[in-house]
Amino acid sequence: MSRRPARRSARPAYRVAAAAAAALTGVLALTSCSSTNPAETGGSSDSGYVAGTGESVSVPAAQRGAAINLKGSDLNGKPLDLASYRGKVVVLNVWGSWCGPCRAEADDFESVFQADQSKGVQFVGINTRDTQIDQAQQFVKSHGLTYPSFYDEDGSLLLQFPAGSLNPQAIPSTLILDRDGRIAVRALQPLTSDQLSKLVAPVIAEKS
């Protein structure tokens, strides 16, 4: 008697495709330094934020949300409170020592800080996903950064930003806060000194 060949269980094609898509999504979600193609969380039409494509977005004053409040520790373990800089224009830069574009822009950020701090501008970094704090400290030392940075080892500080305002996967990224602590500019891309200066200037010029 002939034996019927065993049937091989095969998943339907649509399940295979779905599994592949899910795997790809997971890889993209874990990709670091996504400066050229950041996945966007997106904001609602009345949030004042526009789904970004790696470009800089300015938020009109009338559409800016509530002030950003962050509390934590700096790279030396000292308390750092963003609210202490109210009344100043604050440039928030998200960086990691492991991120190539962050290393490329670091010197430019320090130069703009030196040029603009007398105009009432404060820079604050958010160092994220550096599991060894000495790596972040070495980054600061090697680039001569004189402004403070939050130490955000697990990325929890980034998750405190309003939905649509900052994508935690876009590193480096920069937010410029007005004197009331509200987001005036968002850049999900590396910036040169010229680019950064042009973004900060209009916020400096605003009446307090």
Protein backbone atom coordinates (compact mmCIF):
# COMPACT_ATOMS: atom_id res chain seq x y z
CA MET A 1 0.00 0.00 0.00
CA SER A 2 1.40 3.32 -1.02
CA ARG A 3 2.03 5.75 1.80
CA ARG A 4 0.62 9.20 1.39
CA PRO A 5 3.39 11.79 1.70
CA ALA A 6 3.19 13.84 4.89
CA ARG A 7 1.76 17.30 4.39
CA ARG A 8 4.04 20.13 5.35
CA SER A 9 2.31 22.76 7.40
CA ALA A 10 2.66 26.05 5.58
CA ARG A 11 1.66 29.40 6.92
CA PRO A 12 -0.56 31.45 4.62
CA ALA A 13 1.32 34.02 2.58
CA TYR A 14 -0.35 36.90 4.35
CA ARG A 15 0.91 35.62 7.72
CA VAL A 16 4.45 35.38 6.41
CA ALA A 17 4.23 38.91 5.08
CA ALA A 18 2.82 40.18 8.35
CA ALA A 19 5.58 38.51 10.33
CA ALA A 20 8.23 40.01 8.07
CA ALA A 21 6.69 43.45 8.39
CA ALA A 22 6.58 43.16 12.17
CA ALA A 23 10.21 42.14 12.29
CA LEU A 24 11.21 45.08 10.08
CA THR A 25 9.22 47.45 12.28
CA GLY A 26 11.06 46.17 15.33
CA VAL A 27 14.43 46.73 13.69
CA LEU A 28 13.52 50.28 12.68
CA ALA A 29 12.23 51.05 16.15
CA LEU A 30 15.58 50.08 17.65
CA THR A 31 17.69 51.93 15.11
CA SER A 32 19.88 54.58 16.70
CA CYS A 33 20.94 57.91 15.22
CA SER A 34 17.90 57.97 12.93
CA SER A 35 18.73 61.49 11.81
CA THR A 36 17.94 61.05 8.13
CA ASN A 37 14.72 59.07 8.44
CA PRO A 38 13.23 59.41 11.90
CA ALA A 39 9.99 57.55 12.51
CA GLU A 40 7.47 60.13 13.60
CA THR A 41 5.00 59.83 16.44
CA GLY A 42 2.95 62.63 14.87
CA GLY A 43 0.83 65.29 16.49
CA SER A 44 -2.81 66.16 16.11
CA SER A 45 -3.81 68.94 13.76
CA ASP A 46 -4.41 71.33 16.69
CA SER A 47 -1.24 70.49 18.60
CA GLY A 48 0.95 72.98 16.73
CA TYR A 49 3.32 70.21 15.63
CA VAL A 50 3.71 68.91 12.13
CA ALA A 51 4.74 65.33 11.40
CA GLY A 52 8.38 65.74 10.54
CA THR A 53 10.62 64.29 7.86
CA GLY A 54 13.92 65.23 9.44
CA GLU A 55 13.39 68.93 8.76
CA SER A 56 13.13 71.86 11.14
CA VAL A 57 9.66 73.04 12.16
CA SER A 58 8.83 76.39 13.78
CA VAL A 59 5.75 76.58 15.98
CA PRO A 60 3.81 79.88 15.93
CA ALA A 61 3.55 81.45 19.40
CA ALA A 62 -0.24 81.12 19.44
CA GLN A 63 0.02 77.36 18.85
CA ARG A 64 2.67 76.53 21.41
CA GLY A 65 1.68 74.17 24.16
CA ALA A 66 2.45 74.17 27.85
CA ALA A 67 5.92 74.75 29.23
CA ILE A 68 8.27 71.79 29.23
CA ASN A 69 9.26 70.70 32.72
CA LEU A 70 12.13 68.30 33.26
CA LYS A 71 13.88 67.39 36.48
CA GLY A 72 16.77 65.02 36.88
CA SER A 73 20.50 64.81 37.44
CA ASP A 74 23.37 66.08 35.36
CA LEU A 75 26.41 64.09 34.33
CA ASN A 76 28.03 64.78 37.70
CA GLY A 77 25.05 63.59 39.70
CA LYS A 78 23.90 67.10 40.63
CA PRO A 79 20.19 68.10 40.44
CA LEU A 80 19.16 69.76 37.19
CA ASP A 81 15.80 71.50 36.75
CA LEU A 82 14.76 72.96 33.41
CA ALA A 83 12.38 75.39 35.12
CA SER A 84 15.35 77.22 36.62
CA TYR A 85 16.01 78.69 33.16
CA ARG A 86 12.59 80.34 32.73
CA GLY A 87 13.05 83.77 31.19
CA LYS A 88 15.78 82.50 28.90
CA VAL A 89 15.65 80.95 25.45
CA VAL A 90 16.67 77.32 26.00
CA VAL A 91 18.22 75.07 23.37
CA LEU A 92 17.61 71.43 24.29
CA ASN A 93 19.84 68.99 22.43
CA VAL A 94 19.35 65.22 22.64
CA TRP A 95 22.62 63.34 22.16
CA GLY A 96 24.52 60.16 22.86
CA SER A 97 28.25 59.51 22.86
CA TRP A 98 27.60 56.49 20.61
CA CYS A 99 25.95 58.67 17.93
CA GLY A 100 28.10 59.79 14.98
CA PRO A 101 25.97 62.80 13.98
CA CYS A 102 25.98 63.93 17.62
CA ARG A 103 29.77 63.99 17.60
CA ALA A 104 29.70 65.92 14.31
CA GLU A 105 27.46 68.70 15.65
CA ALA A 106 28.80 68.99 19.21
CA ASP A 107 31.53 71.55 18.49
CA ASP A 108 29.08 73.70 16.53
CA PHE A 109 26.62 73.69 19.43
CA GLU A 110 29.29 74.87 21.85
CA SER A 111 30.31 77.67 19.49
CA VAL A 112 26.73 78.93 19.17
CA PHE A 113 26.28 78.72 22.94
CA GLN A 114 29.36 80.85 23.45
CA ALA A 115 28.09 83.38 20.90
CA ASP A 116 24.52 83.60 22.20
CA GLN A 117 24.60 83.11 25.96
CA SER A 118 25.05 86.85 26.52
CA LYS A 119 21.73 87.32 24.69
CA GLY A 120 19.85 85.32 27.29
CA VAL A 121 20.27 81.88 25.70
CA GLN A 122 20.94 78.72 27.70
CA PHE A 123 21.88 75.36 26.21
CA VAL A 124 20.97 72.10 27.97
CA GLY A 125 21.80 68.64 26.71
CA ILE A 126 19.90 65.42 27.26
CA ASN A 127 22.35 62.55 27.15
CA THR A 128 20.43 59.37 26.44
CA ARG A 129 21.13 55.63 26.26
CA ASP A 130 24.70 55.85 27.48
CA THR A 131 24.82 52.96 29.92
CA GLN A 132 28.22 54.09 31.21
CA ILE A 133 28.18 57.66 32.47
CA ASP A 134 31.93 57.96 32.00
CA GLN A 135 31.38 57.65 28.24
CA ALA A 136 29.08 60.66 28.33
CA GLN A 137 31.52 62.57 30.53
CA GLN A 138 34.34 61.84 28.08
CA PHE A 139 32.17 63.11 25.21
CA VAL A 140 31.63 66.40 27.04
CA LYS A 141 35.32 66.73 27.82
CA SER A 142 36.52 65.91 24.31
CA HIS A 143 34.21 68.50 22.73
CA GLY A 144 34.73 71.13 25.42
CA LEU A 145 31.02 71.46 26.21
CA THR A 146 30.45 74.01 28.96
CA TYR A 147 26.67 73.70 29.30
CA PRO A 148 24.95 71.06 31.46
CA SER A 149 23.30 67.86 30.30
CA PHE A 150 20.68 65.64 31.87
CA TYR A 151 21.79 62.03 32.24
CA ASP A 152 18.93 59.99 30.76
CA GLU A 153 20.33 56.47 30.69
CA ASP A 154 17.09 54.67 29.84
CA GLY A 155 15.39 57.35 27.75
CA SER A 156 12.66 57.97 30.34
CA LEU A 157 13.06 61.75 30.19
CA LEU A 158 12.35 61.74 26.46
CA LEU A 159 9.04 60.01 27.09
CA GLN A 160 7.88 62.95 29.22
CA PHE A 161 7.59 65.25 26.22
CA PRO A 162 4.10 65.89 24.80
CA ALA A 163 2.99 63.51 22.06
CA GLY A 164 4.16 64.70 18.66
CA SER A 165 6.73 67.15 20.02
CA LEU A 166 9.78 64.89 20.12
CA ASN A 167 10.43 61.46 18.70
CA PRO A 168 12.61 59.47 21.11
CA GLN A 169 14.10 57.57 18.15
CA ALA A 170 15.41 60.71 16.43
CA ILE A 171 18.89 61.24 17.83
CA PRO A 172 20.30 63.83 17.57
CA SER A 173 17.36 66.16 17.81
CA THR A 174 16.97 69.70 19.10
CA LEU A 175 14.16 71.70 20.63
CA ILE A 176 14.30 75.46 21.13
CA LEU A 177 12.12 76.70 23.99
CA ASP A 178 10.90 80.26 24.25
CA ARG A 179 11.29 82.31 27.43
CA ASP A 180 8.12 80.75 28.83
CA GLY A 181 9.52 77.24 28.37
CA ARG A 182 7.30 76.38 25.40
CA ILE A 183 8.55 74.60 22.28
CA ALA A 184 9.16 77.18 19.55
CA VAL A 185 11.32 75.14 17.17
CA ARG A 186 11.87 71.43 16.61
CA ALA A 187 14.69 69.95 14.53
CA LEU A 188 14.88 66.18 14.12
CA GLN A 189 18.24 66.30 12.36
CA PRO A 190 21.89 67.19 12.97
CA LEU A 191 22.55 70.93 12.79
CA THR A 192 25.53 73.03 11.76
CA SER A 193 26.35 76.23 13.62
CA ASP A 194 24.81 78.32 10.83
CA GLN A 195 21.61 76.31 10.81
CA LEU A 196 21.30 76.45 14.58
CA SER A 197 21.98 80.20 14.72
CA LYS A 198 19.26 80.86 12.16
CA LEU A 199 16.76 78.82 14.17
CA VAL A 200 17.60 80.47 17.49
CA ALA A 201 17.68 84.08 16.25
CA PRO A 202 13.90 84.55 15.73
CA VAL A 203 13.16 83.14 19.19
CA ILE A 204 15.70 85.52 20.75
CA ALA A 205 14.00 88.39 18.92
CA GLU A 206 10.58 87.58 20.36
CA LYS A 207 9.24 89.90 23.04
CA SER A 208 9.17 88.31 26.45
